[in-house]
Protein backbone atom coordinates (compact mmCIF):
# COMPACT_ATOMS: atom_id res chain seq x y z
CA UNK A 1 19.99 4.85 -16.58
CA UNK A 2 17.14 7.59 -15.88
CA UNK A 3 16.70 9.53 -12.57
CA UNK A 4 14.17 11.51 -11.52
CA UNK A 5 13.57 15.04 -13.34
CA UNK A 6 13.21 17.15 -9.70
CA UNK A 7 15.96 14.37 -7.77
CA UNK A 8 17.76 15.77 -4.72
CA UNK A 9 16.88 19.09 -6.25
CA UNK A 10 14.83 20.31 -3.10
CA UNK A 11 15.07 21.48 0.66
CA UNK A 12 13.03 19.66 3.47
CA UNK A 13 10.44 23.12 3.54
CA UNK A 14 9.61 22.44 -0.20
CA UNK A 15 8.64 18.96 0.68
CA UNK A 16 6.79 19.97 3.66
CA UNK A 17 4.82 23.14 2.18
CA UNK A 18 3.87 20.59 -1.02
CA UNK A 19 2.81 17.91 1.48
CA UNK A 20 0.19 20.41 3.20
CA UNK A 21 -1.14 21.22 -0.16
CA UNK A 22 -1.59 17.70 -1.06
CA UNK A 23 -3.65 17.26 2.16
CA UNK A 24 -5.66 20.12 2.13
CA UNK A 25 -6.11 20.20 -1.52
CA UNK A 26 -6.18 24.08 -1.72
CA UNK A 27 -4.61 26.41 0.32
CA UNK A 28 -3.88 30.10 0.72
CA UNK A 29 -0.19 31.14 1.16
CA UNK A 30 -1.42 32.70 4.54
CA UNK A 31 -2.74 29.38 5.17
CA UNK A 32 0.11 27.44 4.55
CA UNK A 33 2.24 29.80 6.82
CA UNK A 34 -0.06 29.18 9.71
CA UNK A 35 0.08 25.78 9.03
CA UNK A 36 4.08 24.64 8.76
CA UNK A 37 5.36 27.62 11.32
CA UNK A 38 7.32 29.19 8.21
CA UNK A 39 7.49 32.81 7.63
CA UNK A 40 5.18 34.53 5.04
CA UNK A 41 8.22 35.52 2.76
CA UNK A 42 9.47 31.74 2.83
CA UNK A 43 5.88 30.46 2.13
CA UNK A 44 6.12 32.67 -0.97
CA UNK A 45 9.17 31.67 -1.92
CA UNK A 46 8.70 27.84 -2.13
CA UNK A 47 5.29 28.69 -3.97
CA UNK A 48 7.00 30.47 -6.43
CA UNK A 49 9.66 27.53 -6.78
CA UNK A 50 6.90 24.60 -6.80
CA UNK A 51 4.55 27.03 -9.21
CA UNK A 52 7.74 27.31 -11.69
CA UNK A 53 8.04 23.57 -11.61
CA UNK A 54 4.64 22.87 -12.55
CA UNK A 55 3.99 20.87 -9.55
CA UNK A 56 1.68 23.75 -8.13
CA UNK A 57 -1.18 26.02 -9.73
CA UNK A 58 -3.05 28.85 -8.97
CA UNK A 59 -6.92 27.34 -8.06
CA UNK A 60 -8.83 30.91 -7.91
CA UNK A 61 -9.73 32.81 -4.85
CA UNK A 62 -11.04 31.83 -1.01
CA UNK A 63 -13.92 32.77 0.73
CA UNK A 64 -14.04 36.70 2.39
CA UNK A 65 -12.12 37.08 5.27
CA UNK A 66 -12.70 40.67 5.68
CA UNK A 67 -10.30 41.75 3.19
CA UNK A 68 -8.97 41.04 -0.03
CA UNK A 69 -9.66 37.46 -1.17
CA UNK A 70 -6.90 35.45 -0.96
CA UNK A 71 -5.39 33.44 -4.02
CA UNK A 72 -5.25 29.64 -3.43
CA UNK A 73 -2.80 27.51 -4.64
CA UNK A 74 -3.16 23.40 -5.42
CA UNK A 75 -1.44 20.51 -6.61
CA UNK A 76 -1.23 20.28 -10.56
CA UNK A 77 -1.99 16.45 -10.73
CA UNK A 78 -0.69 16.10 -14.51
CA UNK A 79 2.73 17.35 -13.51
CA UNK A 80 4.46 14.41 -12.41
CA UNK A 81 3.59 10.46 -12.51
CA UNK A 82 4.14 7.35 -10.55
CA UNK A 83 3.95 3.69 -11.60
CA UNK A 84 2.83 1.24 -8.56
CA UNK A 85 3.78 -2.79 -9.57
CA UNK A 86 2.25 -5.41 -7.19
CA UNK A 87 3.98 -8.68 -7.34
CA UNK A 88 1.46 -11.60 -5.74
CA UNK A 89 2.21 -15.15 -5.92
CA UNK A 90 1.48 -15.62 -9.69
CA UNK A 91 -0.21 -12.24 -10.69
CA UNK A 92 0.91 -8.72 -11.03
CA UNK A 93 -1.17 -5.72 -10.84
CA UNK A 94 0.30 -2.63 -12.73
CA UNK A 95 -1.24 1.47 -12.03
CA UNK A 96 -0.13 4.61 -12.98
CA UNK A 97 -1.02 7.43 -10.54
CA UNK A 98 -0.93 11.09 -10.91
CA UNK A 99 0.55 13.50 -8.70
CA UNK A 100 -2.66 13.60 -6.43
CA UNK A 101 -2.26 9.77 -6.30
CA UNK A 102 -5.63 9.31 -8.61
CA UNK A 103 -5.10 5.86 -10.95
CA UNK A 104 -5.21 7.00 -14.69
CA UNK A 105 -4.51 3.66 -16.13
CA UNK A 106 -4.33 -0.46 -15.26
CA UNK A 107 -3.56 -3.17 -16.39
CA UNK A 108 -2.83 -7.10 -14.67
CA UNK A 109 -1.79 -10.45 -15.94
CA UNK A 110 -0.99 -13.33 -14.60
CA UNK A 111 2.29 -15.61 -15.31
CA UNK A 112 4.93 -14.73 -12.66
CA UNK A 113 5.90 -18.35 -11.75
CA UNK A 114 8.92 -18.27 -14.23
CA UNK A 115 12.78 -17.36 -13.47
CA UNK A 116 12.65 -13.22 -12.43
CA UNK A 117 14.71 -12.66 -15.89
CA UNK A 118 11.68 -13.16 -17.80
CA UNK A 119 9.65 -12.38 -15.22
CA UNK A 120 11.01 -8.98 -14.88
CA UNK A 121 11.29 -8.54 -18.88
CA UNK A 122 7.48 -8.94 -18.85
CA UNK A 123 7.11 -6.69 -16.24
CA UNK A 124 8.61 -3.87 -17.83
CA UNK A 125 7.07 -4.48 -21.05
CA UNK A 126 3.76 -4.64 -19.69
CA UNK A 127 5.05 -1.11 -17.57
CA UNK A 128 5.90 0.42 -20.94
CA UNK A 129 2.60 -0.30 -22.66
CA UNK A 130 0.66 0.74 -19.97
CA UNK A 131 2.37 4.23 -20.31
CA UNK A 132 2.12 4.51 -24.16
CA UNK A 133 -1.21 3.69 -23.91
CA UNK A 134 -2.25 6.37 -21.15
CA UNK A 135 -0.60 8.89 -23.19
CA UNK A 136 1.81 9.47 -20.08
CA UNK A 137 5.03 11.64 -21.07
CA UNK A 138 7.55 9.68 -19.79
CA UNK A 139 9.71 12.66 -18.50
CA UNK A 140 7.05 13.76 -16.15
CA UNK A 141 7.21 9.75 -14.52
CA UNK A 142 9.12 10.01 -11.11
CA UNK A 143 9.62 6.18 -10.90
CA UNK A 144 8.19 2.57 -9.67
CA UNK A 145 6.87 1.04 -6.72
CA UNK A 146 7.75 -2.45 -6.76
CA UNK A 147 6.07 -4.08 -4.07
CA UNK A 148 5.44 -7.45 -3.04
CA UNK A 149 5.33 -9.77 0.33
CA UNK A 150 8.02 -11.56 2.35
CA UNK A 151 11.08 -10.45 3.93
CA UNK A 152 13.26 -8.29 1.61
CA UNK A 153 16.55 -6.27 1.63
CA UNK A 154 15.25 -2.63 0.39
CA UNK A 155 18.60 -1.39 0.32
CA UNK A 156 19.84 -3.79 -2.23
CA UNK A 157 16.27 -4.26 -3.78
CA UNK A 158 16.29 -7.76 -3.20
CA UNK A 159 13.55 -10.51 -2.20
CA UNK A 160 14.54 -12.90 0.65
CA UNK A 161 12.06 -14.99 -0.28
CA UNK A 162 12.43 -18.50 -2.52
CA UNK A 163 8.74 -17.19 -3.97
CA UNK A 164 7.25 -17.71 -6.71
CA UNK A 165 10.35 -20.23 -7.42
CA UNK A 166 13.67 -20.71 -5.45
CA UNK A 167 15.47 -18.38 -8.06
CA UNK A 168 14.15 -15.20 -6.68
CA UNK A 169 15.40 -15.94 -3.47
CA UNK A 170 18.52 -13.05 -2.93
CA UNK A 171 17.51 -11.77 -6.60
CA UNK A 172 17.87 -8.09 -6.81
CA UNK A 173 14.57 -7.27 -8.26
CA UNK A 174 14.56 -3.55 -8.11
CA UNK A 175 17.78 -2.89 -9.87
CA UNK A 176 17.28 -5.61 -12.59
CA UNK A 177 13.77 -3.56 -13.11
CA UNK A 178 15.23 -0.44 -12.99
CA UNK A 179 18.01 -1.35 -15.84
CA UNK A 180 15.04 -2.54 -18.11
CA UNK A 181 12.57 0.77 -17.62
CA UNK A 182 15.22 3.19 -17.31
CA UNK A 183 13.46 4.73 -14.37
CA UNK A 184 14.41 4.80 -10.62
CA UNK A 185 12.81 1.73 -8.80
CA UNK A 186 11.55 1.36 -5.02
CA UNK A 187 10.81 -2.26 -3.71
CA UNK A 188 8.91 -2.00 -0.83
CA UNK A 189 5.99 -4.20 1.05
CA UNK A 190 3.01 -4.42 -0.12
CA UNK A 191 0.95 -3.88 3.44
CA UNK A 192 3.45 -0.90 3.98
CA UNK A 193 2.26 0.62 0.48
CA UNK A 194 -1.22 -0.01 1.15
CA UNK A 195 -0.77 1.67 4.29
CA UNK A 196 0.69 4.85 2.67
CA UNK A 197 -1.62 5.23 -0.01
CA UNK A 198 -4.25 6.05 2.23
CA UNK A 199 -2.13 8.51 3.61
CA UNK A 200 -1.50 10.15 0.16
CA UNK A 201 -4.99 10.40 -1.05
CA UNK A 202 -6.29 11.88 1.93
CA UNK A 203 -8.42 9.25 3.52
CA UNK A 204 -7.12 9.77 6.83
CA UNK A 205 -5.80 12.17 9.60
CA UNK A 206 -2.32 13.39 8.45
CA UNK A 207 -1.58 13.59 12.00
CA UNK A 208 -2.92 9.97 12.85
CA UNK A 209 -1.29 6.85 13.76
CA UNK A 210 -3.03 4.02 11.88
CA UNK A 211 -2.40 0.73 10.93
CA UNK A 212 -3.26 -1.15 7.50
CA UNK A 213 -4.31 -5.02 7.70
CA UNK A 214 -3.58 -6.23 3.99
CA UNK A 215 -5.01 -9.13 2.67
CA UNK A 216 -4.10 -11.05 -0.73
CA UNK A 217 -3.02 -14.57 -0.79
CA UNK A 218 -1.24 -14.15 2.47
CA UNK A 219 -1.76 -11.51 5.79
CA UNK A 220 0.59 -8.50 6.47
CA UNK A 221 0.31 -5.32 8.05
CA UNK A 222 1.76 -1.57 8.09
CA UNK A 223 2.16 1.36 10.48
CA UNK A 224 2.05 4.82 9.55
CA UNK A 225 2.85 7.37 12.37
CA UNK A 226 2.11 11.25 11.34
CA UNK A 227 2.53 10.05 7.73
CA UNK A 228 5.34 8.04 7.74
CA UNK A 229 5.66 4.37 7.90
CA UNK A 230 7.17 2.16 10.66
CA UNK A 231 10.11 0.72 9.17
CA UNK A 232 11.84 -0.89 11.90
CA UNK A 233 15.35 -1.86 11.57
CA UNK A 234 15.71 -3.45 8.29
CA UNK A 235 11.74 -2.31 6.58
CA UNK A 236 10.61 -6.06 7.59
CA UNK A 237 8.31 -4.66 10.66
CA UNK A 238 4.78 -5.30 11.67
CA UNK A 239 4.53 -8.77 9.96
CA UNK A 240 1.75 -9.93 11.64
CA UNK A 241 0.40 -12.53 9.48
CA UNK A 242 3.15 -14.22 11.15
CA UNK A 243 2.42 -13.47 14.79
CA UNK A 244 1.88 -17.32 16.97
CA UNK A 245 -1.44 -17.63 17.42
CA UNK A 246 -0.91 -21.23 18.25
CA UNK A 247 2.30 -22.11 20.57
CA UNK A 248 1.43 -25.99 19.31
CA UNK A 249 0.57 -25.01 16.01
CA UNK A 250 2.57 -26.55 12.93
CA UNK A 251 5.46 -24.90 11.77
CA UNK A 252 5.34 -22.22 9.09
CA UNK A 253 7.30 -21.85 5.83
CA UNK A 254 8.88 -18.62 7.74
CA UNK A 255 10.24 -20.76 10.53
CA UNK A 256 7.86 -19.61 12.62
CA UNK A 257 5.26 -22.06 14.72
CA UNK A 258 1.21 -21.63 14.66
CA UNK A 259 1.50 -18.40 12.34
CA UNK A 260 -1.75 -16.36 12.29
CA UNK A 261 -1.96 -17.20 8.33
CA UNK A 262 -2.16 -20.68 8.22
CA UNK A 263 -5.54 -20.11 10.35
CA UNK A 264 -7.10 -16.66 8.99
CA UNK A 265 -5.33 -16.40 5.67
CA UNK A 266 -7.43 -17.02 2.36
CA UNK A 267 -5.45 -20.14 1.97
CA UNK A 268 -6.36 -21.63 5.30
CA UNK A 269 -10.03 -20.48 4.69
CA UNK A 270 -9.75 -22.89 1.11
CA UNK A 271 -8.17 -25.76 2.76
CA UNK A 272 -11.24 -25.92 5.94
CA UNK A 273 -13.84 -25.54 3.08
CA UNK A 274 -12.29 -28.46 0.84
CA UNK A 275 -12.46 -30.22 4.07
CA UNK A 276 -16.11 -29.97 4.26
CA UNK A 277 -17.58 -32.05 1.22
CA UNK A 278 -21.05 -30.38 0.76
CA UNK A 279 -19.71 -26.99 0.76
CA UNK A 280 -16.31 -28.08 -1.33
CA UNK A 281 -18.78 -29.84 -4.05
CA UNK A 282 -21.54 -26.49 -3.89
CA UNK A 283 -18.91 -24.21 -4.92
CA UNK A 284 -16.95 -26.61 -7.30
CA UNK A 285 -13.60 -26.14 -5.50
CA UNK A 286 -10.65 -27.60 -7.03
CA UNK A 287 -8.89 -29.69 -4.38
CA UNK A 288 -5.61 -29.80 -6.63
CA UNK A 289 -5.31 -25.56 -7.45
CA UNK A 290 -3.56 -23.36 -6.43
CA UNK A 291 -5.22 -19.77 -7.07
CA UNK A 292 -5.99 -19.35 -3.48
CA UNK A 293 -7.62 -15.98 -4.64
CA UNK A 294 -10.22 -17.30 -6.78
CA UNK A 295 -11.21 -20.20 -5.01
CA UNK A 296 -11.67 -17.87 -1.91
CA UNK A 297 -13.73 -15.33 -3.90
CA UNK A 298 -16.61 -18.18 -4.05
CA UNK A 299 -16.08 -18.75 -0.69
CA UNK A 300 -16.59 -15.22 0.05
CA UNK A 301 -19.53 -14.73 -2.37
CA UNK A 302 -21.36 -17.78 -0.85
CA UNK A 303 -21.23 -16.26 2.70
CA UNK A 304 -22.31 -12.88 1.44
CA UNK A 305 -25.29 -14.61 -0.21
CA UNK A 306 -26.03 -16.18 2.74
CA UNK A 307 -24.76 -20.17 2.55
CA UNK A 308 -24.27 -20.78 6.69
CA UNK A 309 -20.95 -23.02 6.12
CA UNK A 310 -19.15 -20.26 4.22
CA UNK A 311 -20.12 -17.55 6.52
CA UNK A 312 -19.05 -19.71 9.40
CA UNK A 313 -15.51 -19.98 7.90
CA UNK A 314 -14.89 -16.48 6.71
CA UNK A 315 -16.32 -15.00 10.18
CA UNK A 316 -13.79 -17.85 11.81
CA UNK A 317 -11.33 -16.11 10.08
CA UNK A 318 -12.35 -12.61 10.81
CA UNK A 319 -12.02 -13.43 14.56
CA UNK A 320 -8.44 -14.55 14.02
CA UNK A 321 -7.74 -11.32 12.23
CA UNK A 322 -9.72 -9.55 15.37
CA UNK A 323 -7.33 -10.64 17.67
CA UNK A 324 -4.52 -9.38 15.50
CA UNK A 325 -6.16 -6.12 15.19
CA UNK A 326 -6.25 -5.98 19.04
CA UNK A 327 -2.78 -6.79 19.00
CA UNK A 328 -2.08 -3.86 16.58
CA UNK A 329 -4.00 -1.36 18.47
CA UNK A 330 -2.48 -2.46 21.66
CA UNK A 331 1.62 -2.22 20.35
CA UNK A 332 1.02 0.95 18.55
CA UNK A 333 -1.96 2.77 20.01
CA UNK A 334 -3.77 3.18 16.60
CA UNK A 335 -6.90 5.39 16.15
CA UNK A 336 -7.61 3.79 12.68
CA UNK A 337 -7.26 0.27 11.01
CA UNK A 338 -7.72 0.05 7.69
CA UNK A 339 -8.36 -3.53 5.50
CA UNK A 340 -7.05 -3.65 2.33
CA UNK A 341 -6.09 -5.70 -0.67
CA UNK A 342 -8.35 -8.36 -2.88
CA UNK A 343 -9.14 -10.69 -0.12
CA UNK A 344 -11.03 -8.20 1.97
CA UNK A 345 -12.53 -6.72 -1.67
CA UNK A 346 -14.89 -9.45 -1.66
CA UNK A 347 -15.49 -10.20 1.63
CA UNK A 348 -14.81 -6.90 3.40
CA UNK A 349 -18.24 -6.27 5.16
CA UNK A 350 -18.26 -9.39 7.15
CA UNK A 351 -14.42 -8.76 7.92
CA UNK A 352 -14.95 -5.23 8.80
CA UNK A 353 -18.34 -6.19 10.72
CA UNK A 354 -16.26 -8.74 12.79
CA UNK A 355 -12.88 -7.00 13.64
CA UNK A 356 -14.80 -3.87 14.89
CA UNK A 357 -16.47 -5.99 17.30
CA UNK A 358 -13.66 -7.52 18.72
CA UNK A 359 -11.58 -4.15 18.52
CA UNK A 360 -14.50 -2.30 20.68
CA UNK A 361 -14.43 -5.39 22.95
CA UNK A 362 -11.12 -6.13 23.80
CA UNK A 363 -8.79 -2.68 23.06
CA UNK A 364 -6.33 -2.37 26.17
CA UNK A 365 -7.22 1.90 25.65
CA UNK A 366 -10.58 1.79 24.47
CA UNK A 367 -12.06 3.57 27.24
CA UNK A 368 -9.25 6.34 26.06
CA UNK A 369 -10.56 6.69 22.70
CA UNK A 370 -12.37 4.44 20.13
CA UNK A 371 -10.67 2.55 17.12
CA UNK A 372 -12.07 2.98 13.72
CA UNK A 373 -12.03 -0.24 11.37
CA UNK A 374 -12.69 0.96 8.08
CA UNK A 375 -12.19 -0.41 4.33
CA UNK A 376 -9.32 1.05 2.21
CA UNK A 377 -10.41 3.83 -0.31
CA UNK A 378 -8.14 2.04 -2.66
CA UNK A 379 -10.03 -1.51 -2.70
CA UNK A 380 -7.74 -4.53 -4.70
CA UNK A 381 -5.50 -2.65 -5.84
CA UNK A 382 -4.29 -0.45 -2.55
CA UNK A 383 -0.80 -2.44 -2.53
CA UNK A 384 -0.34 -1.19 -6.16
CA UNK A 385 -1.42 2.10 -5.85
CA UNK A 386 0.66 2.28 -2.71
CA UNK A 387 3.73 1.33 -4.09
CA UNK A 388 2.77 4.28 -6.62
CA UNK A 389 2.21 6.91 -3.72
CA UNK A 390 5.27 5.78 -2.24
CA UNK A 391 7.07 7.11 -5.08
CA UNK A 392 5.62 10.32 -5.09
CA UNK A 393 6.11 10.55 -1.18
CA UNK A 394 10.10 9.94 -1.39
CA UNK A 395 10.78 11.84 -4.46
CA UNK A 396 8.65 14.87 -3.46
CA UNK A 397 7.94 15.41 0.10
CA UNK A 398 10.50 13.21 2.19
CA UNK A 399 13.88 14.26 -0.02
CA UNK A 400 16.51 12.02 -1.43
CA UNK A 401 16.88 8.57 0.40
CA UNK A 402 19.37 7.42 2.34
CA UNK A 403 22.52 6.78 0.61
CA UNK A 404 22.23 2.71 1.15
CA UNK A 405 18.95 3.21 -0.63
CA UNK A 406 20.51 4.85 -3.84
CA UNK A 407 21.88 1.22 -5.54
CA UNK A 408 17.67 0.39 -6.05
CA UNK A 409 16.31 3.84 -6.93
CA UNK A 410 19.06 4.95 -9.24
């Protein structure tokens, strides 16, 4: 089975230097020494290794400093690639990104409601076709970030949810996809992936603590501290969609009661709209439909266009999410909250304004520092791009994963 071209081949200093170069775009060796605390001799040696591997290239001269202009180095975007695969309930988005995290190819398709063996074979064929169409050298592909919803066992690369069908519960999706593609596959949560994608593309301060609220069909969350995803004990953390907002609420499929997702998620908004005959008729909502993303998009478009009833539903959802954002800020003392995912992509301006207002008014530490609510730089594909970024980070910056994670990655 295929492995990374540079798997386990560098010390931590190499990853540290590479991450600084990624964050600042272009840097001299003197600046790298100052940023990392490493000696000039060490920096020179590490940069030489990175250039020999093609990961870093020279980028001209820096500005005048009173002496000889310093030579700058930057990432070589074409040196390595990774693939991000995002599972939604019935859809799949696949992206290929370069070393800088920039998307170079994308495809999407429906039809994952089938046995996992058939669905993964379809995903593998689509990945192969996308790499071929993009003209990406397979030897430069570090691996695949497979991201989705629900509880997961990252150690075995298995899903712990019976969705989209019961056969998926406990199925080792990462090892099976790795066999089909002959590439390392890393399983992760879609919200955590979306969060780290912001970091890799330089949209947030590398030293900051920030949160991501991810909304597709469901609602998830992720927190990043100084470039590292907060994992918890089993990497099933920050599941804000399943915090109780009503202790007497209906039981959720997760086992909890009164979950946020059942009041603010797209499926909840669609159900609420269907209970308003005039609105449902105007928007031609299908009471028997199961494509909540499409139906929610109709409601969001109507809200953006000035439909009062539609806007009321979206703003109500946003107030609930504002409550979740305040909770995230209180628990993790974040300075930024990123809104990511396809549902925010269609109604982001309304959500951003309402959530920012709630955060400004209610956050515990509001007198100590502001909390910005911002849209994701990666839009609707934030999870897929983030999945690819997780592979880049894991392979190039963090070093080899824990021994217990290797079955899902090799």
